């Protein structure tokens, strides 16, 4: 997945705080969705009420787990982006269809999911670059259609699994059993072991 569409988000200062503002979230999601759909032969429309519902659920989860940012900021960025993906999948704010079949790849396997992942990756990449100064690179596995088939089947049944798949997509080790609990993430446990040795 090409994150070139993230460039407009990266240029906005303080994305980490901006994304917590409903109007900014709504406008950037709509622009990003239109751009990604246009690039991948998709067409669709955004349900504003469902998008607001996804945002509010994500923001509540963000505030409930922000303690984890003090423990491991880079992993918190990936975790909260995974939570955002989970809430978008749960709320289903995007109705999308393939208008140019035959292009193949993830966008055809799960068009709406492709837009959601692209947006969450773009936001996470912008926040990480601005806050930590390190790029976020999608893993090669992100382009595999078989992974997207599994992702769609699992996330539609249990949206929480989207957090684990997001970790997989950015090259982090997922927590498949309790994805919504940041303290049980592999990166959190690794940090605890390092502190115990110090």
N, C-alpha and C. Protein backbone atom coordinates (compact mmCIF):
# COMPACT_ATOMS: atom_id res chain seq x y z
N UNK A 1 0.85 -1.19 0.00
CA UNK A 1 0.00 0.00 0.00
C UNK A 1 0.89 1.24 0.00
N UNK A 2 0.61 2.11 -0.94
CA UNK A 2 1.37 3.34 -1.08
C UNK A 2 0.79 4.40 -0.14
N UNK A 3 1.63 4.97 0.72
CA UNK A 3 1.16 5.99 1.64
C UNK A 3 1.34 7.40 1.09
N UNK A 4 1.48 7.52 -0.23
CA UNK A 4 1.63 8.84 -0.82
C UNK A 4 0.44 9.73 -0.50
N UNK A 5 -0.73 9.13 -0.34
CA UNK A 5 -1.92 9.91 -0.03
C UNK A 5 -1.85 10.51 1.37
N UNK A 6 -0.89 10.06 2.18
CA UNK A 6 -0.74 10.60 3.53
C UNK A 6 -0.03 11.94 3.54
N UNK A 7 0.53 12.34 2.43
CA UNK A 7 1.38 13.54 2.41
C UNK A 7 0.64 14.78 2.88
N UNK A 8 -0.64 14.92 2.52
CA UNK A 8 -1.39 16.10 2.94
C UNK A 8 -1.61 16.09 4.45
N UNK A 9 -1.77 14.91 5.04
CA UNK A 9 -1.95 14.82 6.48
C UNK A 9 -0.65 15.13 7.20
N UNK A 10 0.47 14.63 6.69
CA UNK A 10 1.77 14.85 7.33
C UNK A 10 2.11 16.33 7.36
N UNK A 11 1.68 17.09 6.35
CA UNK A 11 2.01 18.52 6.30
C UNK A 11 1.24 19.34 7.33
N UNK A 12 0.17 18.78 7.89
CA UNK A 12 -0.62 19.49 8.90
C UNK A 12 0.12 19.42 10.23
N UNK A 13 0.35 20.54 10.90
CA UNK A 13 1.04 20.47 12.19
C UNK A 13 0.18 19.84 13.27
N UNK A 14 0.85 19.13 14.18
CA UNK A 14 0.22 18.58 15.38
C UNK A 14 -0.96 17.64 15.09
N UNK A 15 -0.71 16.69 14.20
CA UNK A 15 -1.77 15.74 13.83
C UNK A 15 -2.26 14.95 15.04
N UNK A 16 -1.34 14.65 15.97
CA UNK A 16 -1.72 13.88 17.16
C UNK A 16 -2.83 14.52 17.96
N UNK A 17 -2.90 15.84 17.97
CA UNK A 17 -3.99 16.54 18.65
C UNK A 17 -5.15 16.83 17.70
N UNK A 18 -4.83 17.13 16.46
CA UNK A 18 -5.88 17.45 15.48
C UNK A 18 -6.83 16.29 15.28
N UNK A 19 -6.29 15.07 15.25
CA UNK A 19 -7.13 13.91 14.96
C UNK A 19 -8.17 13.68 16.06
N UNK A 20 -7.98 14.31 17.22
CA UNK A 20 -8.94 14.20 18.31
C UNK A 20 -10.05 15.24 18.23
N UNK A 21 -10.08 15.98 17.14
CA UNK A 21 -11.13 16.97 16.91
C UNK A 21 -12.08 16.41 15.85
N UNK A 22 -13.34 16.34 16.17
CA UNK A 22 -14.33 15.70 15.30
C UNK A 22 -14.34 16.29 13.89
N UNK A 23 -14.38 17.59 13.78
CA UNK A 23 -14.47 18.20 12.44
C UNK A 23 -13.24 17.88 11.60
N UNK A 24 -12.06 17.90 12.22
CA UNK A 24 -10.84 17.59 11.47
C UNK A 24 -10.86 16.13 11.02
N UNK A 25 -11.24 15.24 11.93
CA UNK A 25 -11.33 13.81 11.62
C UNK A 25 -12.29 13.59 10.45
N UNK A 26 -13.47 14.19 10.53
CA UNK A 26 -14.47 14.00 9.48
C UNK A 26 -13.97 14.51 8.13
N UNK A 27 -13.41 15.71 8.12
CA UNK A 27 -13.01 16.30 6.84
C UNK A 27 -11.82 15.55 6.23
N UNK A 28 -10.85 15.16 7.05
CA UNK A 28 -9.71 14.44 6.49
C UNK A 28 -10.10 13.04 6.05
N UNK A 29 -11.00 12.39 6.78
CA UNK A 29 -11.44 11.07 6.36
C UNK A 29 -12.16 11.15 5.02
N UNK A 30 -13.04 12.12 4.88
CA UNK A 30 -13.78 12.26 3.63
C UNK A 30 -12.85 12.54 2.45
N UNK A 31 -11.89 13.46 2.64
CA UNK A 31 -10.95 13.77 1.55
C UNK A 31 -10.08 12.56 1.21
N UNK A 32 -9.60 11.90 2.26
CA UNK A 32 -8.74 10.74 2.05
C UNK A 32 -9.50 9.63 1.34
N UNK A 33 -10.74 9.37 1.77
CA UNK A 33 -11.55 8.32 1.16
C UNK A 33 -11.78 8.61 -0.32
N UNK A 34 -12.11 9.86 -0.65
CA UNK A 34 -12.35 10.22 -2.05
C UNK A 34 -11.09 10.02 -2.89
N UNK A 35 -9.95 10.41 -2.34
CA UNK A 35 -8.69 10.27 -3.07
C UNK A 35 -8.33 8.81 -3.29
N UNK A 36 -8.42 8.00 -2.23
CA UNK A 36 -8.07 6.58 -2.33
C UNK A 36 -9.03 5.85 -3.27
N UNK A 37 -10.32 6.14 -3.15
CA UNK A 37 -11.28 5.48 -4.03
C UNK A 37 -11.01 5.83 -5.49
N UNK A 38 -10.70 7.10 -5.75
CA UNK A 38 -10.41 7.51 -7.11
C UNK A 38 -9.19 6.82 -7.68
N UNK A 39 -8.18 6.60 -6.84
CA UNK A 39 -6.94 5.96 -7.28
C UNK A 39 -7.09 4.47 -7.52
N UNK A 40 -8.09 3.84 -6.90
CA UNK A 40 -8.20 2.38 -6.95
C UNK A 40 -9.48 1.87 -7.60
N UNK A 41 -10.10 2.70 -8.40
CA UNK A 41 -11.27 2.24 -9.15
C UNK A 41 -12.46 1.93 -8.27
N UNK A 42 -12.65 2.72 -7.20
CA UNK A 42 -13.76 2.51 -6.28
C UNK A 42 -14.68 3.72 -6.29
N UNK A 43 -15.90 3.49 -5.86
CA UNK A 43 -16.85 4.58 -5.73
C UNK A 43 -17.66 4.34 -4.46
N UNK A 44 -17.99 5.41 -3.76
CA UNK A 44 -18.77 5.20 -2.54
C UNK A 44 -19.15 6.51 -1.89
N UNK A 45 -19.83 6.39 -0.76
CA UNK A 45 -20.26 7.57 -0.03
C UNK A 45 -20.11 7.33 1.47
N UNK A 46 -19.91 8.42 2.20
CA UNK A 46 -19.68 8.36 3.64
C UNK A 46 -20.97 8.74 4.37
N UNK A 47 -21.34 7.93 5.35
CA UNK A 47 -22.47 8.22 6.22
C UNK A 47 -21.93 9.03 7.40
N UNK A 48 -22.30 10.31 7.47
CA UNK A 48 -21.77 11.20 8.50
C UNK A 48 -22.11 10.78 9.91
N UNK A 49 -23.30 10.26 10.11
CA UNK A 49 -23.72 9.82 11.45
C UNK A 49 -22.88 8.65 11.92
N UNK A 50 -22.66 7.69 11.04
CA UNK A 50 -21.84 6.53 11.39
C UNK A 50 -20.38 6.92 11.61
N UNK A 51 -19.90 7.88 10.81
CA UNK A 51 -18.52 8.33 10.97
C UNK A 51 -18.35 9.02 12.32
N UNK A 52 -19.32 9.82 12.72
CA UNK A 52 -19.28 10.46 14.05
C UNK A 52 -19.30 9.42 15.14
N UNK A 53 -20.12 8.40 14.98
CA UNK A 53 -20.18 7.32 15.97
C UNK A 53 -18.84 6.62 16.12
N UNK A 54 -18.18 6.35 15.00
CA UNK A 54 -16.86 5.71 15.04
C UNK A 54 -15.86 6.60 15.77
N UNK A 55 -15.88 7.89 15.46
CA UNK A 55 -14.95 8.82 16.09
C UNK A 55 -15.16 8.88 17.60
N UNK A 56 -16.40 9.02 18.04
CA UNK A 56 -16.67 9.15 19.47
C UNK A 56 -16.28 7.89 20.24
N UNK A 57 -16.54 6.73 19.65
CA UNK A 57 -16.14 5.47 20.30
C UNK A 57 -14.61 5.38 20.38
N UNK A 58 -13.94 5.79 19.29
CA UNK A 58 -12.47 5.77 19.30
C UNK A 58 -11.91 6.75 20.32
N UNK A 59 -12.46 7.95 20.39
CA UNK A 59 -11.96 8.97 21.30
C UNK A 59 -12.11 8.51 22.76
N UNK A 60 -13.21 7.87 23.06
CA UNK A 60 -13.42 7.34 24.41
C UNK A 60 -12.35 6.30 24.74
N UNK A 61 -12.07 5.43 23.80
CA UNK A 61 -11.05 4.40 24.01
C UNK A 61 -9.66 5.03 24.12
N UNK A 62 -9.41 6.05 23.31
CA UNK A 62 -8.13 6.76 23.36
C UNK A 62 -7.88 7.30 24.77
N UNK A 63 -8.86 8.00 25.31
CA UNK A 63 -8.69 8.60 26.64
C UNK A 63 -8.57 7.53 27.73
N UNK A 64 -9.25 6.42 27.56
CA UNK A 64 -9.20 5.35 28.57
C UNK A 64 -7.85 4.64 28.59
N UNK A 65 -7.10 4.71 27.48
CA UNK A 65 -5.84 3.96 27.39
C UNK A 65 -4.62 4.85 27.21
N UNK A 66 -4.77 6.16 27.32
CA UNK A 66 -3.65 7.06 27.03
C UNK A 66 -2.50 6.92 28.02
N UNK A 67 -2.75 6.28 29.16
CA UNK A 67 -1.65 6.01 30.10
C UNK A 67 -0.53 5.22 29.43
N UNK A 68 -0.91 4.42 28.43
CA UNK A 68 0.08 3.57 27.76
C UNK A 68 1.07 4.40 26.95
N UNK A 69 0.68 5.61 26.57
CA UNK A 69 1.59 6.47 25.80
C UNK A 69 2.85 6.79 26.60
N UNK A 70 2.71 6.90 27.92
CA UNK A 70 3.88 7.18 28.76
C UNK A 70 4.81 5.99 28.85
N UNK A 71 4.28 4.79 28.64
CA UNK A 71 5.07 3.57 28.72
C UNK A 71 5.81 3.29 27.41
N UNK A 72 5.12 3.51 26.28
CA UNK A 72 5.71 3.16 24.99
C UNK A 72 5.00 3.98 23.90
N UNK A 73 5.49 5.18 23.67
CA UNK A 73 4.84 6.10 22.72
C UNK A 73 4.72 5.51 21.31
N UNK A 74 5.79 4.95 20.72
CA UNK A 74 5.63 4.41 19.36
C UNK A 74 4.57 3.31 19.28
N UNK A 75 4.54 2.44 20.28
CA UNK A 75 3.56 1.36 20.25
C UNK A 75 2.15 1.89 20.51
N UNK A 76 2.05 2.93 21.32
CA UNK A 76 0.74 3.54 21.58
C UNK A 76 0.17 4.12 20.29
N UNK A 77 1.02 4.72 19.47
CA UNK A 77 0.56 5.28 18.19
C UNK A 77 -0.05 4.18 17.33
N UNK A 78 0.64 3.05 17.24
CA UNK A 78 0.12 1.93 16.44
C UNK A 78 -1.14 1.34 17.06
N UNK A 79 -1.16 1.23 18.39
CA UNK A 79 -2.33 0.69 19.08
C UNK A 79 -3.56 1.56 18.84
N UNK A 80 -3.43 2.88 19.01
CA UNK A 80 -4.60 3.75 18.84
C UNK A 80 -5.05 3.81 17.38
N UNK A 81 -4.10 3.69 16.45
CA UNK A 81 -4.50 3.62 15.04
C UNK A 81 -5.27 2.33 14.78
N UNK A 82 -4.85 1.23 15.41
CA UNK A 82 -5.58 -0.03 15.30
C UNK A 82 -6.97 0.08 15.90
N UNK A 83 -7.07 0.81 17.02
CA UNK A 83 -8.39 1.03 17.64
C UNK A 83 -9.29 1.85 16.72
N UNK A 84 -8.70 2.85 16.06
CA UNK A 84 -9.47 3.65 15.10
C UNK A 84 -9.99 2.76 13.98
N UNK A 85 -9.14 1.89 13.48
CA UNK A 85 -9.55 0.95 12.43
C UNK A 85 -10.69 0.07 12.92
N UNK A 86 -10.56 -0.42 14.13
CA UNK A 86 -11.59 -1.27 14.72
C UNK A 86 -12.94 -0.56 14.79
N UNK A 87 -12.93 0.70 15.21
CA UNK A 87 -14.19 1.45 15.33
C UNK A 87 -14.78 1.80 13.96
N UNK A 88 -13.94 2.06 12.99
CA UNK A 88 -14.46 2.31 11.63
C UNK A 88 -15.13 1.06 11.08
N UNK A 89 -14.52 -0.08 11.31
CA UNK A 89 -15.11 -1.34 10.84
C UNK A 89 -16.43 -1.61 11.58
N UNK A 90 -16.44 -1.33 12.87
CA UNK A 90 -17.65 -1.56 13.67
C UNK A 90 -18.79 -0.65 13.21
N UNK A 91 -18.50 0.61 12.94
CA UNK A 91 -19.55 1.58 12.58
C UNK A 91 -19.95 1.52 11.11
N UNK A 92 -19.05 1.05 10.25
CA UNK A 92 -19.30 0.96 8.80
C UNK A 92 -19.79 2.28 8.19
N UNK A 93 -19.00 3.35 8.30
CA UNK A 93 -19.47 4.63 7.75
C UNK A 93 -19.34 4.76 6.23
N UNK A 94 -18.68 3.81 5.59
CA UNK A 94 -18.41 3.94 4.16
C UNK A 94 -19.12 2.84 3.38
N UNK A 95 -19.92 3.26 2.42
CA UNK A 95 -20.53 2.33 1.48
C UNK A 95 -19.75 2.47 0.19
N UNK A 96 -19.09 1.41 -0.24
CA UNK A 96 -18.19 1.52 -1.38
C UNK A 96 -18.34 0.31 -2.29
N UNK A 97 -18.12 0.53 -3.58
CA UNK A 97 -18.19 -0.57 -4.53
C UNK A 97 -17.05 -0.43 -5.53
N UNK A 98 -16.72 -1.54 -6.14
CA UNK A 98 -15.67 -1.55 -7.16
C UNK A 98 -16.30 -1.16 -8.49
N UNK A 99 -15.76 -0.13 -9.13
CA UNK A 99 -16.29 0.30 -10.42
C UNK A 99 -15.35 -0.08 -11.57
N UNK A 100 -14.15 -0.48 -11.21
CA UNK A 100 -13.19 -0.95 -12.22
C UNK A 100 -12.68 -2.32 -11.80
N UNK A 101 -13.51 -3.37 -11.92
CA UNK A 101 -13.07 -4.70 -11.50
C UNK A 101 -11.89 -5.19 -12.33
N UNK A 102 -11.14 -6.07 -11.72
CA UNK A 102 -10.01 -6.65 -12.42
C UNK A 102 -8.67 -6.06 -12.03
N UNK A 103 -8.71 -4.97 -11.22
CA UNK A 103 -7.45 -4.39 -10.77
C UNK A 103 -6.76 -5.29 -9.75
N UNK A 104 -7.57 -6.08 -9.04
CA UNK A 104 -7.03 -7.04 -8.08
C UNK A 104 -6.48 -6.37 -6.84
N UNK A 105 -5.93 -7.21 -5.96
CA UNK A 105 -5.31 -6.69 -4.75
C UNK A 105 -6.30 -6.40 -3.64
N UNK A 106 -5.80 -5.85 -2.53
CA UNK A 106 -6.61 -5.61 -1.35
C UNK A 106 -7.83 -4.72 -1.59
N UNK A 107 -7.70 -3.71 -2.46
CA UNK A 107 -8.82 -2.80 -2.70
C UNK A 107 -10.02 -3.53 -3.28
N UNK A 108 -9.78 -4.64 -3.99
CA UNK A 108 -10.89 -5.39 -4.56
C UNK A 108 -11.39 -6.45 -3.59
N UNK A 109 -10.50 -6.97 -2.73
CA UNK A 109 -10.90 -7.97 -1.74
C UNK A 109 -11.86 -7.36 -0.73
N UNK A 110 -11.53 -6.16 -0.23
CA UNK A 110 -12.38 -5.49 0.76
C UNK A 110 -12.28 -3.99 0.55
N UNK A 111 -13.07 -3.43 -0.35
CA UNK A 111 -12.95 -2.02 -0.69
C UNK A 111 -13.04 -1.07 0.51
N UNK A 112 -14.07 -1.22 1.34
CA UNK A 112 -14.22 -0.32 2.50
C UNK A 112 -13.07 -0.51 3.47
N UNK A 113 -12.72 -1.75 3.74
CA UNK A 113 -11.61 -2.03 4.65
C UNK A 113 -10.31 -1.43 4.15
N UNK A 114 -10.12 -1.45 2.84
CA UNK A 114 -8.92 -0.88 2.25
C UNK A 114 -8.83 0.61 2.54
N UNK A 115 -9.95 1.32 2.40
CA UNK A 115 -9.97 2.76 2.68
C UNK A 115 -9.71 3.01 4.15
N UNK A 116 -10.34 2.22 5.03
CA UNK A 116 -10.14 2.40 6.48
C UNK A 116 -8.67 2.19 6.85
N UNK A 117 -8.07 1.13 6.36
CA UNK A 117 -6.67 0.84 6.68
C UNK A 117 -5.77 1.96 6.16
N UNK A 118 -6.02 2.39 4.93
CA UNK A 118 -5.22 3.45 4.34
C UNK A 118 -5.27 4.72 5.18
N UNK A 119 -6.47 5.08 5.64
CA UNK A 119 -6.61 6.30 6.45
C UNK A 119 -5.88 6.14 7.79
N UNK A 120 -6.10 5.03 8.46
CA UNK A 120 -5.47 4.82 9.78
C UNK A 120 -3.95 4.76 9.66
N UNK A 121 -3.45 4.13 8.61
CA UNK A 121 -2.01 4.10 8.38
C UNK A 121 -1.47 5.51 8.13
N UNK A 122 -2.20 6.29 7.38
CA UNK A 122 -1.76 7.65 7.06
C UNK A 122 -1.69 8.52 8.32
N UNK A 123 -2.71 8.42 9.16
CA UNK A 123 -2.72 9.18 10.41
C UNK A 123 -1.58 8.72 11.31
N UNK A 124 -1.43 7.40 11.47
CA UNK A 124 -0.36 6.87 12.32
C UNK A 124 1.01 7.29 11.81
N UNK A 125 1.20 7.26 10.49
CA UNK A 125 2.47 7.66 9.90
C UNK A 125 2.76 9.13 10.17
N UNK A 126 1.75 9.97 10.06
CA UNK A 126 1.93 11.40 10.31
C UNK A 126 2.27 11.67 11.77
N UNK A 127 1.53 11.02 12.68
CA UNK A 127 1.77 11.23 14.11
C UNK A 127 3.16 10.74 14.49
N UNK A 128 3.53 9.57 13.99
CA UNK A 128 4.84 9.03 14.35
C UNK A 128 5.96 9.91 13.80
N UNK A 129 5.81 10.38 12.58
CA UNK A 129 6.86 11.23 12.01
C UNK A 129 6.98 12.55 12.77
N UNK A 130 5.85 13.12 13.16
CA UNK A 130 5.88 14.40 13.87
C UNK A 130 6.32 14.26 15.32
N UNK A 131 5.86 13.22 16.00
CA UNK A 131 6.13 13.07 17.43
C UNK A 131 7.45 12.38 17.74
N UNK A 132 7.86 11.47 16.87
CA UNK A 132 9.04 10.65 17.16
C UNK A 132 10.15 10.89 16.15
N UNK A 133 9.80 11.38 14.98
CA UNK A 133 10.79 11.63 13.96
C UNK A 133 11.22 10.38 13.21
N UNK A 134 10.41 9.34 13.30
CA UNK A 134 10.74 8.08 12.62
C UNK A 134 9.61 7.73 11.66
N UNK A 135 9.94 7.27 10.48
CA UNK A 135 8.88 6.91 9.53
C UNK A 135 8.17 5.61 9.94
N UNK A 136 6.95 5.49 9.51
CA UNK A 136 6.19 4.25 9.71
C UNK A 136 6.04 3.60 8.35
N UNK A 137 6.60 2.42 8.20
CA UNK A 137 6.58 1.73 6.91
C UNK A 137 5.66 0.52 6.96
N UNK A 138 4.70 0.45 6.06
CA UNK A 138 3.84 -0.73 6.01
C UNK A 138 4.65 -1.98 5.69
N UNK A 139 4.24 -3.11 6.26
CA UNK A 139 4.91 -4.38 6.00
C UNK A 139 4.50 -4.90 4.62
N UNK A 140 5.36 -5.71 4.02
CA UNK A 140 5.08 -6.26 2.69
C UNK A 140 3.81 -7.11 2.69
N UNK A 141 3.48 -7.70 3.83
CA UNK A 141 2.31 -8.56 3.94
C UNK A 141 1.01 -7.80 3.65
N UNK A 142 1.06 -6.48 3.74
CA UNK A 142 -0.12 -5.65 3.52
C UNK A 142 -0.67 -5.75 2.10
N UNK A 143 0.15 -6.18 1.17
CA UNK A 143 -0.28 -6.27 -0.23
C UNK A 143 -0.80 -7.65 -0.62
N UNK A 144 -0.82 -8.58 0.34
CA UNK A 144 -1.24 -9.95 0.03
C UNK A 144 -2.75 -10.12 0.13
N UNK A 145 -3.36 -10.53 -0.97
CA UNK A 145 -4.82 -10.69 -1.01
C UNK A 145 -5.31 -11.74 -0.03
N UNK A 146 -4.53 -12.81 0.19
CA UNK A 146 -4.97 -13.85 1.12
C UNK A 146 -5.04 -13.32 2.56
N UNK A 147 -4.12 -12.44 2.92
CA UNK A 147 -4.15 -11.83 4.25
C UNK A 147 -5.39 -10.95 4.37
N UNK A 148 -5.73 -10.24 3.31
CA UNK A 148 -6.91 -9.38 3.34
C UNK A 148 -8.20 -10.19 3.43
N UNK A 149 -8.22 -11.35 2.82
CA UNK A 149 -9.39 -12.21 2.94
C UNK A 149 -9.58 -12.64 4.38
N UNK A 150 -8.49 -13.03 5.03
CA UNK A 150 -8.54 -13.41 6.44
C UNK A 150 -8.91 -12.22 7.31
N UNK A 151 -8.32 -11.08 7.02
CA UNK A 151 -8.61 -9.86 7.75
C UNK A 151 -10.10 -9.53 7.70
N UNK A 152 -10.66 -9.57 6.49
CA UNK A 152 -12.08 -9.24 6.35
C UNK A 152 -12.97 -10.22 7.12
N UNK A 153 -12.70 -11.51 6.97
CA UNK A 153 -13.51 -12.52 7.65
C UNK A 153 -13.47 -12.34 9.17
N UNK A 154 -12.28 -12.13 9.70
CA UNK A 154 -12.13 -12.00 11.15
C UNK A 154 -12.67 -10.68 11.69
N UNK A 155 -12.36 -9.58 11.01
CA UNK A 155 -12.75 -8.26 11.51
C UNK A 155 -14.25 -8.02 11.39
N UNK A 156 -14.88 -8.58 10.37
CA UNK A 156 -16.33 -8.43 10.27
C UNK A 156 -17.03 -9.23 11.35
N UNK A 157 -16.43 -10.34 11.76
CA UNK A 157 -17.01 -11.13 12.86
C UNK A 157 -16.71 -10.50 14.21
N UNK A 158 -15.48 -10.00 14.40
CA UNK A 158 -15.07 -9.37 15.65
C UNK A 158 -14.16 -8.19 15.32
N UNK A 159 -14.71 -6.96 15.29
CA UNK A 159 -13.90 -5.80 14.91
C UNK A 159 -12.65 -5.59 15.75
N UNK A 160 -12.60 -6.11 16.97
CA UNK A 160 -11.41 -5.94 17.81
C UNK A 160 -10.18 -6.57 17.17
N UNK A 161 -10.37 -7.60 16.36
CA UNK A 161 -9.22 -8.24 15.73
C UNK A 161 -8.51 -7.31 14.74
N UNK A 162 -9.18 -6.23 14.35
CA UNK A 162 -8.56 -5.26 13.45
C UNK A 162 -7.31 -4.66 14.08
N UNK A 163 -7.29 -4.56 15.41
CA UNK A 163 -6.12 -4.02 16.10
C UNK A 163 -4.92 -4.93 15.85
N UNK A 164 -5.14 -6.22 15.94
CA UNK A 164 -4.07 -7.18 15.71
C UNK A 164 -3.61 -7.17 14.26
N UNK A 165 -4.56 -7.08 13.34
CA UNK A 165 -4.18 -7.03 11.93
C UNK A 165 -3.42 -5.75 11.61
N UNK A 166 -3.81 -4.64 12.24
CA UNK A 166 -3.07 -3.40 12.01
C UNK A 166 -1.61 -3.56 12.45
N UNK A 167 -1.41 -4.20 13.61
CA UNK A 167 -0.04 -4.48 14.05
C UNK A 167 0.72 -5.28 13.01
N UNK A 168 0.07 -6.29 12.48
CA UNK A 168 0.68 -7.12 11.44
C UNK A 168 1.05 -6.27 10.22
N UNK A 169 0.16 -5.35 9.86
CA UNK A 169 0.37 -4.52 8.68
C UNK A 169 1.55 -3.54 8.84
N UNK A 170 1.91 -3.21 10.08
CA UNK A 170 3.03 -2.29 10.29
C UNK A 170 4.25 -3.02 10.86
N UNK A 171 4.24 -4.35 10.78
CA UNK A 171 5.41 -5.12 11.16
C UNK A 171 5.60 -5.31 12.66
N UNK A 172 4.54 -5.13 13.44
CA UNK A 172 4.62 -5.37 14.88
C UNK A 172 4.01 -6.73 15.20
N UNK A 173 4.42 -7.29 16.35
CA UNK A 173 3.90 -8.59 16.75
C UNK A 173 2.50 -8.39 17.37
N UNK A 174 1.48 -9.02 16.79
CA UNK A 174 0.11 -8.81 17.29
C UNK A 174 -0.18 -9.58 18.58
N UNK A 175 -1.15 -9.08 19.31
CA UNK A 175 -1.74 -9.80 20.43
C UNK A 175 -3.10 -10.29 19.93
N UNK A 176 -3.17 -11.55 19.55
CA UNK A 176 -4.40 -12.08 18.94
C UNK A 176 -5.47 -12.41 19.97
N UNK A 177 -5.09 -12.66 21.21
CA UNK A 177 -6.08 -13.10 22.19
C UNK A 177 -6.82 -11.96 22.88
N UNK A 178 -6.11 -10.87 23.21
CA UNK A 178 -6.75 -9.73 23.88
C UNK A 178 -6.27 -8.43 23.22
N UNK A 179 -6.64 -8.21 21.97
CA UNK A 179 -6.09 -7.06 21.23
C UNK A 179 -6.44 -5.70 21.81
N UNK A 180 -7.55 -5.59 22.54
CA UNK A 180 -7.99 -4.29 23.04
C UNK A 180 -7.28 -3.86 24.33
N UNK A 181 -6.45 -4.72 24.89
CA UNK A 181 -5.79 -4.40 26.15
C UNK A 181 -4.34 -4.00 25.90
N UNK A 182 -4.02 -2.70 25.93
CA UNK A 182 -2.66 -2.27 25.58
C UNK A 182 -1.59 -2.81 26.51
N UNK A 183 -1.92 -3.02 27.76
CA UNK A 183 -0.92 -3.48 28.72
C UNK A 183 -0.46 -4.92 28.43
N UNK A 184 -1.25 -5.65 27.64
CA UNK A 184 -0.90 -7.03 27.29
C UNK A 184 -0.29 -7.13 25.89
N UNK A 185 0.01 -6.00 25.30
CA UNK A 185 0.64 -6.03 23.98
C UNK A 185 2.07 -6.56 24.10
N UNK A 186 2.56 -7.27 23.10
CA UNK A 186 3.93 -7.79 23.15
C UNK A 186 4.97 -6.72 23.45
N UNK A 187 4.79 -5.52 22.89
CA UNK A 187 5.75 -4.44 23.16
C UNK A 187 5.71 -4.00 24.61
N UNK A 188 4.54 -4.02 25.23
CA UNK A 188 4.42 -3.65 26.64
C UNK A 188 5.09 -4.70 27.52
N UNK A 189 4.88 -5.97 27.20
CA UNK A 189 5.50 -7.04 27.99
C UNK A 189 7.01 -7.03 27.83
N UNK A 190 7.48 -6.74 26.63
CA UNK A 190 8.93 -6.66 26.41
C UNK A 190 9.52 -5.54 27.24
N UNK A 191 8.82 -4.40 27.32
CA UNK A 191 9.30 -3.28 28.12
C UNK A 191 9.35 -3.62 29.59
N UNK A 192 8.36 -4.37 30.07
CA UNK A 192 8.33 -4.76 31.48
C UNK A 192 9.50 -5.68 31.80
N UNK A 193 9.83 -6.59 30.90
CA UNK A 193 10.95 -7.50 31.15
C UNK A 193 12.27 -6.73 31.19
N UNK A 194 12.37 -5.71 30.31
CA UNK A 194 13.60 -4.92 30.31
C UNK A 194 13.73 -4.13 31.60
N UNK A 195 12.61 -3.59 32.13
CA UNK A 195 12.66 -2.85 33.37
C UNK A 195 13.03 -3.76 34.53
N UNK A 196 12.53 -5.00 34.50
CA UNK A 196 12.81 -5.94 35.59
C UNK A 196 14.30 -6.28 35.64
N UNK A 197 14.95 -6.28 34.48
CA UNK A 197 16.38 -6.62 34.45
C UNK A 197 17.24 -5.46 34.89
N UNK A 198 16.74 -4.23 34.76
CA UNK A 198 17.56 -3.06 35.06
C UNK A 198 17.87 -2.91 36.54
